[in-house]
Amino acid sequence: MSTAPSPTRDEARNPAPVPGRWAPLRPLVLRLHFYAGLLVAPFLLVAAVTGLLYAGSFQAEEIMYRHELTVPAGERELPVFAQVAAAREAHPEGAVAAVWPAPEAGSTTRVLLSGVRGVDPDHTLAVFVNPYTGEIRGALEQYGSTGALTLRTWIDELHRDLHLGDTGRLYSELAASWLWVIAGGGLVLWFSRRRALRRLRGTGGRRRTLGLHGTVGAWTAAGFLFLSATGLTWSTYAGGHIGDLRTSLGQATPTLSAAVSGGEHAGHGAAAGAGGTAEHGVGLDRVLAAARAEGLSDPVEIVPPADAGSAYVVKQVRRGWPEKQDSVAVDPATGEVTGELRFADYPVLAKLTRWGIDLHTGVLFGLANQIALALLAIALILLIGWGYRMWWQRGRGSAFGRPVPRGAWAQVSPYVLVPPLAAIAVLGYFVPLLGIPLAAFVAVDVVLGEIAHRRGRRTYRSAPSVSQCCDRKGSPARQTFPATALAR
């Protein structure tokens, strides 16, 4: 949930009772939810809009690049070597980084070239080859293990860093760092006030907005918690801490060794950077046959040897359910499999990370996954809109009052307050874009509170008492407490 509703006047003065020792924490949660949502909502809105675009980019890519991706199905495919040779004849620049043989009838083979002038160093140039005729269907930039082409790559980078590089990634990490806090806090508030929210349904104005905000937020909170957690796994700072933690627990994603032994293979594993056709030693077709014999099914990626002491690496690249992530190393001199790595042997956290990222990016369950992401993005946009609308309606003097005043923490027992503060301190270290803004918010809030307190004391001392004033008939009033008290 994004921006938070401000409470009613009665709620601000007397928060609704919640059974248990944790009831005093509710005003703190309410205040944090309101202000965090208010300040972080712009970043969440950008993430939601760009995420919605990304969810629809898969189908848009299939339509826009139909010519490059599909061909009329033929009877017999050319050898992979011949397809790569055709691609290199049309595009001799750069070096062959990998080959994606056509995964099914009617699809094209992709020959991925690295080091091509004008192509982002982190991307490759994908040359699309008709596997039946050797015809070149086109060439497009490709990024990532899911094979994102130009359109999806552009939207993905917009969602990740606004095309601002490492600096821009701070926006998405900030959004992911706070989304779970806002969603979790809103969920707690909704459960503590669910009866009141039911009574608000069907009423007009701000009460209706509050009911919609709370109900939709509660139904989608689990999705937001998931997006926040998976988004943090590959963020700059929090992602680094998560990676270090997984490594220390022995849960890092394993890698397949591509090294081959002895000098007898020297010269057969020439570096792919030489700019040839990636046909080293026994050749691509025999390497692919060896991988097939080990049970690797389409779609697969063939990576040529990096140097004279390396093997071919063939790995499955299917990210849909069930995932195909097995890989094997094949000796370029003999065509024998020298090593294998099965996805079934991955550590538990490595599997969960892989599934989480693929679910977050919309590839794990295909169209259903993408629809779910689109609905979450739309829900977040609506929640932000309703949150700001409630804020605006409150400013117009609606029945709902101002946020919980400062000083709510002073009413909380140290036995209740200290454990959450300790947990927040730990989280703030591992998730710095949560901890740093939170510390800044608390500091500013304390300073503003002290300024307001001092102003109030000066006003109290300088204000005339009611006994010094006269009523409308000219007679002195009976009470003698300060006039400023009446304003309260």
Protein backbone atom coordinates (compact mmCIF):
# COMPACT_ATOMS: atom_id res chain seq x y z
CA MET A 1 0.00 0.00 0.00
CA SER A 2 1.28 3.43 -0.82
CA THR A 3 0.06 6.63 0.73
CA ALA A 4 -1.74 6.27 4.01
CA PRO A 5 -5.04 7.71 5.14
CA SER A 6 -4.97 10.19 7.95
CA PRO A 7 -7.06 9.18 10.95
CA THR A 8 -10.23 10.74 12.20
CA ARG A 9 -10.19 13.38 14.94
CA ASP A 10 -11.51 10.82 17.41
CA GLU A 11 -8.92 8.31 16.25
CA ALA A 12 -6.11 10.85 16.61
CA ARG A 13 -7.16 11.66 20.15
CA ASN A 14 -8.17 8.15 21.21
CA PRO A 15 -6.75 5.46 18.92
CA ALA A 16 -8.99 2.46 18.51
CA PRO A 17 -8.25 -0.15 21.14
CA VAL A 18 -6.41 -3.20 19.90
CA PRO A 19 -6.15 -6.18 22.24
CA GLY A 20 -2.70 -7.10 23.49
CA ARG A 21 0.45 -5.43 24.66
CA TRP A 22 1.25 -4.13 21.18
CA ALA A 23 -1.73 -1.78 21.08
CA PRO A 24 0.39 1.28 21.99
CA LEU A 25 2.44 0.76 18.83
CA ARG A 26 -0.54 1.42 16.58
CA PRO A 27 -0.17 5.24 16.61
CA LEU A 28 3.47 4.85 15.59
CA VAL A 29 2.54 2.49 12.75
CA LEU A 30 -0.18 4.91 11.65
CA ARG A 31 2.19 7.87 11.63
CA LEU A 32 4.92 5.93 9.79
CA HIS A 33 2.46 4.58 7.22
CA PHE A 34 1.06 8.03 6.50
CA TYR A 35 4.31 9.96 6.14
CA ALA A 36 6.31 7.18 4.50
CA GLY A 37 3.55 6.64 1.97
CA LEU A 38 3.25 10.36 1.35
CA LEU A 39 6.96 10.85 0.68
CA VAL A 40 7.82 7.58 -1.08
CA ALA A 41 4.65 7.44 -3.22
CA PRO A 42 6.19 9.37 -6.18
CA PHE A 43 8.95 6.76 -6.49
CA LEU A 44 6.44 3.94 -6.18
CA LEU A 45 4.26 5.56 -8.83
CA VAL A 46 7.14 5.61 -11.31
CA ALA A 47 7.96 1.98 -10.50
CA ALA A 48 4.30 0.98 -10.91
CA VAL A 49 3.83 2.74 -14.26
CA THR A 50 7.07 1.40 -15.73
CA GLY A 51 6.32 -2.04 -14.28
CA LEU A 52 2.93 -2.00 -16.00
CA LEU A 53 4.63 -1.18 -19.29
CA TYR A 54 7.09 -4.02 -18.77
CA ALA A 55 4.31 -6.53 -18.07
CA GLY A 56 2.88 -5.81 -21.52
CA SER A 57 6.23 -5.68 -23.31
CA PHE A 58 6.38 -9.45 -23.93
CA GLN A 59 3.36 -9.47 -26.23
CA ALA A 60 4.40 -6.17 -27.80
CA GLU A 61 7.81 -7.65 -28.58
CA GLU A 62 6.30 -10.71 -30.24
CA ILE A 63 4.18 -8.48 -32.47
CA MET A 64 6.84 -5.88 -33.25
CA TYR A 65 9.60 -8.39 -34.04
CA ARG A 66 7.52 -11.12 -35.64
CA HIS A 67 9.64 -10.99 -38.80
CA GLU A 68 12.86 -11.62 -36.89
CA LEU A 69 11.44 -14.24 -34.52
CA THR A 70 9.41 -16.48 -36.82
CA VAL A 71 9.78 -18.15 -40.21
CA PRO A 72 7.69 -20.66 -42.18
CA ALA A 73 8.43 -24.14 -40.80
CA GLY A 74 10.56 -26.26 -43.09
CA GLU A 75 11.31 -29.96 -43.34
CA ARG A 76 14.98 -30.02 -42.36
CA GLU A 77 17.25 -27.60 -40.50
CA LEU A 78 20.74 -26.68 -41.64
CA PRO A 79 23.67 -27.64 -39.38
CA VAL A 80 24.18 -25.11 -36.61
CA PHE A 81 27.65 -24.41 -37.96
CA ALA A 82 26.21 -23.38 -41.32
CA GLN A 83 23.70 -21.07 -39.65
CA VAL A 84 26.44 -19.36 -37.66
CA ALA A 85 28.58 -19.04 -40.81
CA ALA A 86 25.68 -17.27 -42.56
CA ALA A 87 25.32 -14.87 -39.64
CA ARG A 88 29.06 -14.12 -39.61
CA GLU A 89 29.07 -13.48 -43.35
CA ALA A 90 26.35 -10.87 -42.90
CA HIS A 91 27.83 -9.45 -39.67
CA PRO A 92 31.59 -10.07 -39.50
CA GLU A 93 32.12 -7.51 -36.72
CA GLY A 94 32.68 -8.48 -33.10
CA ALA A 95 32.95 -12.06 -31.82
CA VAL A 96 30.50 -14.91 -31.32
CA ALA A 97 29.45 -14.82 -27.67
CA ALA A 98 26.77 -17.52 -27.83
CA VAL A 99 24.37 -19.35 -30.12
CA TRP A 100 20.69 -20.05 -29.43
CA PRO A 101 19.57 -22.79 -31.85
CA ALA A 102 15.95 -22.51 -32.99
CA PRO A 103 13.96 -23.93 -30.05
CA GLU A 104 10.90 -25.03 -32.02
CA ALA A 105 9.57 -25.38 -35.53
CA GLY A 106 8.94 -22.01 -37.14
CA SER A 107 11.35 -20.05 -34.93
CA THR A 108 14.74 -18.56 -35.80
CA THR A 109 18.24 -19.23 -34.53
CA ARG A 110 19.97 -16.41 -32.66
CA VAL A 111 23.70 -15.83 -33.08
CA LEU A 112 24.82 -13.43 -30.34
CA LEU A 113 27.77 -11.16 -31.12
CA SER A 114 29.74 -9.21 -28.53
CA GLY A 115 32.07 -6.26 -29.01
CA VAL A 116 30.03 -4.81 -31.88
CA ARG A 117 30.52 -1.10 -32.44
CA GLY A 118 27.45 0.93 -31.48
CA VAL A 119 26.06 -1.81 -29.21
CA ASP A 120 26.04 -1.34 -25.43
CA PRO A 121 28.94 -3.32 -23.92
CA ASP A 122 26.49 -5.08 -21.59
CA HIS A 123 24.34 -6.13 -24.55
CA THR A 124 24.90 -8.36 -27.55
CA LEU A 125 23.83 -8.08 -31.16
CA ALA A 126 21.40 -10.90 -31.93
CA VAL A 127 21.51 -11.98 -35.58
CA PHE A 128 18.37 -13.94 -36.52
CA VAL A 129 18.89 -16.78 -38.97
CA ASN A 130 16.30 -18.91 -40.77
CA PRO A 131 17.39 -22.41 -39.67
CA TYR A 132 16.00 -24.00 -42.86
CA THR A 133 17.52 -21.69 -45.50
CA GLY A 134 20.28 -19.68 -43.77
CA GLU A 135 18.48 -16.42 -44.61
CA ILE A 136 19.29 -13.50 -42.29
CA ARG A 137 16.01 -12.17 -40.92
CA GLY A 138 17.50 -9.16 -39.13
CA ALA A 139 19.66 -8.09 -36.19
CA LEU A 140 18.61 -6.53 -32.87
CA GLU A 141 20.25 -5.72 -29.55
CA GLN A 142 19.61 -8.35 -26.88
CA TYR A 143 20.01 -8.16 -23.12
CA GLY A 144 19.81 -10.63 -20.26
CA SER A 145 19.21 -14.33 -19.94
CA THR A 146 15.56 -14.04 -20.98
CA GLY A 147 16.53 -12.76 -24.43
CA ALA A 148 14.97 -9.30 -24.11
CA LEU A 149 15.14 -7.42 -27.40
CA THR A 150 15.29 -3.69 -28.04
CA LEU A 151 11.78 -2.73 -26.88
CA ARG A 152 11.70 -4.85 -23.72
CA THR A 153 15.29 -3.90 -22.88
CA TRP A 154 14.42 -0.19 -23.12
CA ILE A 155 11.39 -0.60 -20.85
CA ASP A 156 13.33 -2.82 -18.44
CA GLU A 157 16.05 -0.20 -18.06
CA LEU A 158 13.43 2.51 -17.64
CA HIS A 159 11.88 0.51 -14.81
CA ARG A 160 15.24 -0.32 -13.22
CA ASP A 161 17.19 2.94 -13.45
CA LEU A 162 15.26 5.48 -15.59
CA HIS A 163 18.13 5.24 -18.12
CA LEU A 164 20.37 7.06 -15.64
CA GLY A 165 22.77 4.21 -14.91
CA ASP A 166 23.91 3.37 -11.41
CA THR A 167 22.58 6.66 -10.03
CA GLY A 168 19.13 5.93 -11.37
CA ARG A 169 19.08 2.52 -9.69
CA LEU A 170 18.79 4.30 -6.34
CA TYR A 171 15.18 5.23 -7.16
CA SER A 172 14.08 1.63 -7.68
CA GLU A 173 15.99 0.43 -4.62
CA LEU A 174 14.37 3.15 -2.53
CA ALA A 175 10.94 2.10 -3.78
CA ALA A 176 11.61 -1.59 -3.10
CA SER A 177 13.09 -0.82 0.33
CA TRP A 178 9.96 1.03 1.50
CA LEU A 179 7.21 -0.85 -0.32
CA TRP A 180 7.15 -3.72 2.18
CA VAL A 181 7.16 -1.27 5.12
CA ILE A 182 4.21 0.69 3.77
CA ALA A 183 2.31 -2.42 2.73
CA GLY A 184 2.97 -4.20 6.01
CA GLY A 185 2.02 -1.17 8.08
CA GLY A 186 -1.16 -0.68 6.10
CA LEU A 187 -2.06 -4.34 6.56
CA VAL A 188 -1.66 -4.03 10.33
CA LEU A 189 -3.84 -0.92 10.37
CA TRP A 190 -6.48 -2.56 8.20
CA PHE A 191 -6.80 -5.60 10.45
CA SER A 192 -6.98 -3.40 13.52
CA ARG A 193 -9.76 -1.31 11.97
CA ARG A 194 -11.49 -3.79 9.66
CA ARG A 195 -14.87 -3.45 11.38
CA ALA A 196 -14.80 0.32 11.06
CA LEU A 197 -13.76 0.04 7.41
CA ARG A 198 -16.73 -2.23 6.71
CA ARG A 199 -19.04 0.48 8.04
CA LEU A 200 -17.38 3.02 5.77
CA ARG A 201 -18.29 1.11 2.60
CA GLY A 202 -21.02 2.70 0.62
CA THR A 203 -20.59 6.12 2.20
CA GLY A 204 -19.45 9.09 0.19
CA GLY A 205 -16.47 11.41 0.16
CA ARG A 206 -13.35 10.64 2.08
CA ARG A 207 -14.89 7.73 3.96
CA ARG A 208 -15.49 5.91 0.70
CA THR A 209 -11.94 6.61 -0.47
CA LEU A 210 -10.61 5.27 2.83
CA GLY A 211 -12.65 2.09 2.45
CA LEU A 212 -11.39 1.49 -1.09
CA HIS A 213 -7.79 2.25 -0.11
CA GLY A 214 -7.86 -0.12 2.85
CA THR A 215 -9.67 -2.98 1.15
CA VAL A 216 -7.66 -3.01 -2.08
CA GLY A 217 -4.44 -2.52 -0.12
CA ALA A 218 -5.21 -5.49 2.12
CA TRP A 219 -5.98 -7.79 -0.82
CA THR A 220 -2.78 -6.87 -2.66
CA ALA A 221 -0.38 -6.52 0.28
CA ALA A 222 1.06 -10.01 -0.16
CA GLY A 223 1.92 -9.22 -3.78
CA PHE A 224 3.64 -5.99 -2.79
CA LEU A 225 5.64 -7.77 -0.09
CA PHE A 226 6.81 -10.27 -2.71
CA LEU A 227 7.74 -7.58 -5.25
CA SER A 228 9.67 -5.69 -2.58
CA ALA A 229 11.62 -8.75 -1.42
CA THR A 230 12.51 -9.97 -4.92
CA GLY A 231 13.31 -6.46 -6.13
CA LEU A 232 15.85 -6.07 -3.35
CA THR A 233 17.68 -9.27 -4.31
CA TRP A 234 19.36 -7.61 -7.30
CA SER A 235 19.49 -4.03 -6.03
CA THR A 236 22.82 -2.25 -5.60
CA TYR A 237 23.26 -2.10 -1.82
CA ALA A 238 20.67 -4.38 -0.25
CA GLY A 239 21.27 -6.90 -3.03
CA GLY A 240 24.97 -6.94 -2.22
CA HIS A 241 24.23 -7.68 1.44
CA ILE A 242 21.79 -10.42 0.46
CA GLY A 243 24.41 -11.96 -1.83
CA ASP A 244 27.03 -11.87 0.91
CA LEU A 245 24.61 -13.49 3.34
CA ARG A 246 23.78 -16.28 0.89
CA THR A 247 27.47 -16.90 0.27
CA SER A 248 28.23 -17.08 3.99
CA LEU A 249 25.43 -19.64 4.39
CA GLY A 250 26.68 -21.73 1.47
CA GLN A 251 23.59 -20.84 -0.57
CA ALA A 252 25.18 -18.95 -3.47
CA THR A 253 24.23 -19.90 -7.02
CA PRO A 254 26.77 -22.51 -8.20
CA THR A 255 28.70 -22.20 -11.46
CA LEU A 256 29.91 -24.83 -13.87
CA SER A 257 33.65 -25.09 -14.43
CA ALA A 258 34.54 -24.90 -18.11
CA ALA A 259 38.23 -25.78 -17.65
CA VAL A 260 39.70 -28.73 -19.57
CA SER A 261 42.96 -30.47 -18.71
CA GLY A 262 46.32 -30.83 -20.41
CA GLY A 263 48.11 -29.37 -23.34
CA GLU A 264 46.70 -31.97 -25.72
CA HIS A 265 43.72 -29.64 -26.26
CA ALA A 266 45.82 -26.57 -26.97
CA GLY A 267 44.61 -24.79 -30.06
CA HIS A 268 41.23 -26.50 -30.12
CA GLY A 269 39.67 -24.04 -27.68
CA ALA A 270 40.66 -20.84 -29.41
CA ALA A 271 39.17 -17.78 -27.81
CA ALA A 272 35.78 -16.71 -29.03
CA GLY A 273 37.13 -13.18 -29.15
CA ALA A 274 39.11 -14.10 -32.27
CA GLY A 275 36.09 -13.16 -34.31
CA GLY A 276 35.56 -16.50 -36.07
CA THR A 277 32.44 -18.59 -36.37
CA ALA A 278 32.78 -20.15 -32.90
CA GLU A 279 33.51 -23.50 -34.58
CA HIS A 280 36.33 -24.92 -32.46
CA GLY A 281 37.53 -28.52 -32.30
CA VAL A 282 34.71 -31.01 -32.82
CA GLY A 283 32.30 -28.21 -33.77
CA LEU A 284 28.96 -26.86 -32.66
CA ASP A 285 26.78 -29.68 -33.96
CA ARG A 286 28.69 -32.43 -32.20
CA VAL A 287 28.76 -30.37 -28.99
CA LEU A 288 25.01 -29.89 -29.21
CA ALA A 289 24.50 -33.62 -29.80
CA ALA A 290 26.57 -34.40 -26.69
CA ALA A 291 24.42 -32.03 -24.62
CA ARG A 292 21.24 -33.61 -26.00
CA ALA A 293 22.53 -37.01 -24.96
CA GLU A 294 22.81 -35.67 -21.38
CA GLY A 295 19.14 -34.71 -21.41
CA LEU A 296 19.39 -30.99 -22.20
CA SER A 297 16.32 -30.04 -24.21
CA ASP A 298 15.40 -26.79 -25.95
CA PRO A 299 15.82 -23.94 -25.52
CA VAL A 300 19.59 -24.05 -25.03
CA GLU A 301 22.51 -21.67 -25.36
CA ILE A 302 25.92 -22.75 -26.66
CA VAL A 303 28.85 -20.69 -25.38
CA PRO A 304 32.13 -21.17 -27.30
CA PRO A 305 35.40 -21.80 -25.43
CA ALA A 306 36.81 -18.64 -23.87
CA ASP A 307 40.43 -19.71 -24.40
CA ALA A 308 42.66 -22.68 -25.25
CA GLY A 309 42.04 -24.27 -21.86
CA SER A 310 38.27 -23.98 -21.84
CA ALA A 311 35.37 -26.16 -22.93
CA TYR A 312 32.12 -25.40 -24.66
CA VAL A 313 29.30 -24.73 -22.21
CA VAL A 314 25.77 -25.71 -23.18
CA LYS A 315 23.01 -24.55 -20.83
CA GLN A 316 19.27 -24.55 -20.84
CA VAL A 317 17.71 -21.08 -20.85
CA ARG A 318 14.05 -21.83 -20.25
CA ARG A 319 12.75 -19.63 -17.42
CA GLY A 320 9.14 -20.79 -17.54
CA TRP A 321 7.70 -23.38 -15.20
CA PRO A 322 9.09 -25.97 -14.86
CA GLU A 323 12.42 -24.24 -15.25
CA LYS A 324 15.19 -25.77 -17.34
CA GLN A 325 18.52 -24.58 -15.99
CA ASP A 326 20.80 -27.61 -16.39
CA SER A 327 24.22 -27.09 -18.02
CA VAL A 328 27.13 -29.22 -19.24
CA ALA A 329 30.72 -28.60 -20.31
CA VAL A 330 31.93 -30.34 -23.49
CA ASP A 331 35.58 -30.88 -24.37
CA PRO A 332 36.24 -29.20 -27.76
CA ALA A 333 38.85 -31.82 -28.66
CA THR A 334 36.88 -35.00 -28.00
CA GLY A 335 33.25 -33.94 -27.78
CA GLU A 336 32.96 -35.62 -24.40
CA VAL A 337 31.07 -34.11 -21.47
CA THR A 338 33.62 -33.06 -18.83
CA GLY A 339 31.23 -31.59 -16.25
CA GLU A 340 27.59 -31.00 -15.49
CA LEU A 341 25.50 -28.83 -13.21
CA ARG A 342 21.85 -29.67 -12.55
CA PHE A 343 19.30 -27.17 -11.32
CA ALA A 344 18.03 -29.87 -8.97
CA ASP A 345 21.37 -29.68 -7.16
CA TYR A 346 21.16 -25.93 -6.51
CA PRO A 347 21.01 -24.87 -2.83
CA VAL A 348 17.52 -24.02 -1.58
CA LEU A 349 18.08 -20.25 -1.40
CA ALA A 350 19.62 -20.24 -4.87
CA LYS A 351 16.50 -21.94 -6.26
CA LEU A 352 14.20 -19.55 -4.39
CA THR A 353 16.16 -16.57 -5.69
CA ARG A 354 15.93 -17.85 -9.26
CA TRP A 355 12.20 -18.51 -9.00
CA GLY A 356 11.58 -15.19 -7.27
CA ILE A 357 13.40 -13.16 -9.91
CA ASP A 358 11.68 -14.99 -12.76
CA LEU A 359 8.29 -14.48 -11.11
CA HIS A 360 9.08 -10.80 -10.58
CA THR A 361 10.06 -10.38 -14.24
CA GLY A 362 6.96 -12.18 -15.52
CA VAL A 363 8.56 -15.21 -17.19
CA LEU A 364 7.95 -18.01 -14.70
CA PHE A 365 4.26 -18.60 -15.51
CA GLY A 366 4.04 -16.81 -18.83
CA LEU A 367 0.90 -14.83 -19.65
CA ALA A 368 -0.77 -15.52 -16.28
CA ASN A 369 2.34 -14.17 -14.53
CA GLN A 370 2.32 -11.03 -16.66
CA ILE A 371 -1.39 -10.41 -16.03
CA ALA A 372 -0.84 -10.73 -12.27
CA LEU A 373 2.02 -8.21 -12.42
CA ALA A 374 -0.12 -5.82 -14.44
CA LEU A 375 -2.95 -6.05 -11.89
CA LEU A 376 -0.55 -5.36 -9.03
CA ALA A 377 0.84 -2.34 -10.87
CA ILE A 378 -2.68 -1.00 -11.50
CA ALA A 379 -3.62 -1.60 -7.85
CA LEU A 380 -0.56 0.32 -6.67
CA ILE A 381 -1.36 3.23 -8.97
CA LEU A 382 -4.93 3.34 -7.61
CA LEU A 383 -3.75 3.14 -4.00
CA ILE A 384 -1.39 6.04 -4.52
CA GLY A 385 -4.15 8.06 -6.15
CA TRP A 386 -6.60 7.30 -3.34
CA GLY A 387 -3.96 8.10 -0.73
CA TYR A 388 -3.24 11.54 -2.18
CA ARG A 389 -6.95 12.14 -2.65
CA MET A 390 -7.57 11.50 1.07
CA TRP A 391 -4.75 13.86 1.92
CA TRP A 392 -6.33 16.54 -0.28
CA GLN A 393 -9.81 15.89 1.10
CA ARG A 394 -8.51 16.20 4.65
CA GLY A 395 -7.10 19.61 3.78
CA ARG A 396 -10.56 20.74 2.71
CA GLY A 397 -11.86 20.25 6.24
CA SER A 398 -13.47 16.84 5.96
CA ALA A 399 -14.62 14.86 8.99
CA PHE A 400 -11.27 13.08 9.20
CA GLY A 401 -8.70 14.91 11.29
CA ARG A 402 -4.98 15.34 11.21
CA PRO A 403 -2.36 12.58 11.57
CA VAL A 404 -1.42 11.19 14.94
CA PRO A 405 0.51 13.90 16.82
CA ARG A 406 4.14 13.60 17.80
CA GLY A 407 5.07 11.93 21.02
CA ALA A 408 3.17 8.67 20.52
CA TRP A 409 6.37 6.73 21.20
CA ALA A 410 6.50 8.18 24.72
CA GLN A 411 3.33 6.25 25.57
CA VAL A 412 4.91 2.91 24.63
CA SER A 413 6.51 0.70 27.25
CA PRO A 414 10.28 0.20 26.72
CA TYR A 415 9.71 -3.55 26.80
CA VAL A 416 7.48 -3.18 23.75
CA LEU A 417 9.39 -0.41 21.98
CA VAL A 418 12.98 -1.70 22.22
CA PRO A 419 12.61 -4.97 20.22
CA PRO A 420 11.12 -3.25 17.13
CA LEU A 421 13.76 -0.52 17.33
CA ALA A 422 16.52 -3.15 17.45
CA ALA A 423 15.01 -4.95 14.45
CA ILE A 424 14.74 -1.66 12.53
CA ALA A 425 18.40 -0.88 13.29
CA VAL A 426 19.49 -4.24 11.87
CA LEU A 427 17.28 -3.86 8.82
CA GLY A 428 18.55 -0.33 8.32
CA TYR A 429 22.10 -1.66 8.08
CA PHE A 430 21.28 -4.37 5.54
CA VAL A 431 18.79 -2.16 3.62
CA PRO A 432 20.47 1.27 3.70
CA LEU A 433 17.89 3.02 1.54
CA LEU A 434 15.39 2.15 4.24
CA GLY A 435 17.60 2.94 7.24
CA ILE A 436 19.07 6.25 6.05
CA PRO A 437 15.75 7.91 5.02
CA LEU A 438 14.10 6.59 8.19
CA ALA A 439 16.84 8.08 10.36
CA ALA A 440 16.56 11.37 8.47
CA PHE A 441 12.78 11.36 8.89
CA VAL A 442 13.06 10.79 12.64
CA ALA A 443 15.69 13.53 12.99
CA VAL A 444 13.63 16.07 11.05
CA ASP A 445 10.49 15.08 12.94
CA VAL A 446 12.24 15.56 16.29
CA VAL A 447 13.61 18.96 15.24
CA LEU A 448 10.22 20.14 13.99
CA GLY A 449 8.59 18.86 17.15
CA GLU A 450 11.07 20.76 19.32
CA ILE A 451 10.53 23.96 17.32
CA ALA A 452 6.75 23.62 17.65
CA HIS A 453 7.11 22.92 21.38
CA ARG A 454 9.20 26.03 21.96
CA ARG A 455 6.84 28.19 19.95
CA GLY A 456 3.95 26.83 21.98
CA ARG A 457 5.68 27.68 25.24
CA ARG A 458 6.40 31.25 24.12
CA THR A 459 2.80 31.68 22.99
CA TYR A 460 1.55 30.27 26.28
CA ARG A 461 3.62 32.72 28.31
CA SER A 462 2.75 35.79 26.23
CA ALA A 463 -0.96 35.09 25.74
CA PRO A 464 -3.41 37.22 27.78
CA SER A 465 -5.63 35.38 30.19
CA VAL A 466 -9.36 35.32 29.69
CA SER A 467 -9.75 37.48 32.84
CA GLN A 468 -7.99 40.26 30.97
CA CYS A 469 -10.58 40.18 28.23
CA CYS A 470 -14.21 41.05 28.20
CA ASP A 471 -17.17 39.21 26.83
CA ARG A 472 -19.54 40.75 24.35
CA LYS A 473 -21.46 42.61 27.13
CA GLY A 474 -18.27 44.12 28.54
CA SER A 475 -18.16 42.00 31.68
CA PRO A 476 -14.99 40.13 32.55
CA ALA A 477 -14.94 36.40 31.95
CA ARG A 478 -14.89 34.05 34.89
CA GLN A 479 -12.14 31.64 33.83
CA THR A 480 -8.51 32.66 34.21
CA PHE A 481 -6.67 30.01 32.13
CA PRO A 482 -4.72 31.25 29.06
CA ALA A 483 -6.71 32.13 25.98
CA THR A 484 -4.53 29.90 23.82
CA ALA A 485 -6.00 26.91 25.56
CA LEU A 486 -9.36 27.66 23.96
CA ALA A 487 -7.88 27.23 20.53
CA ARG A 488 -7.02 23.68 21.40
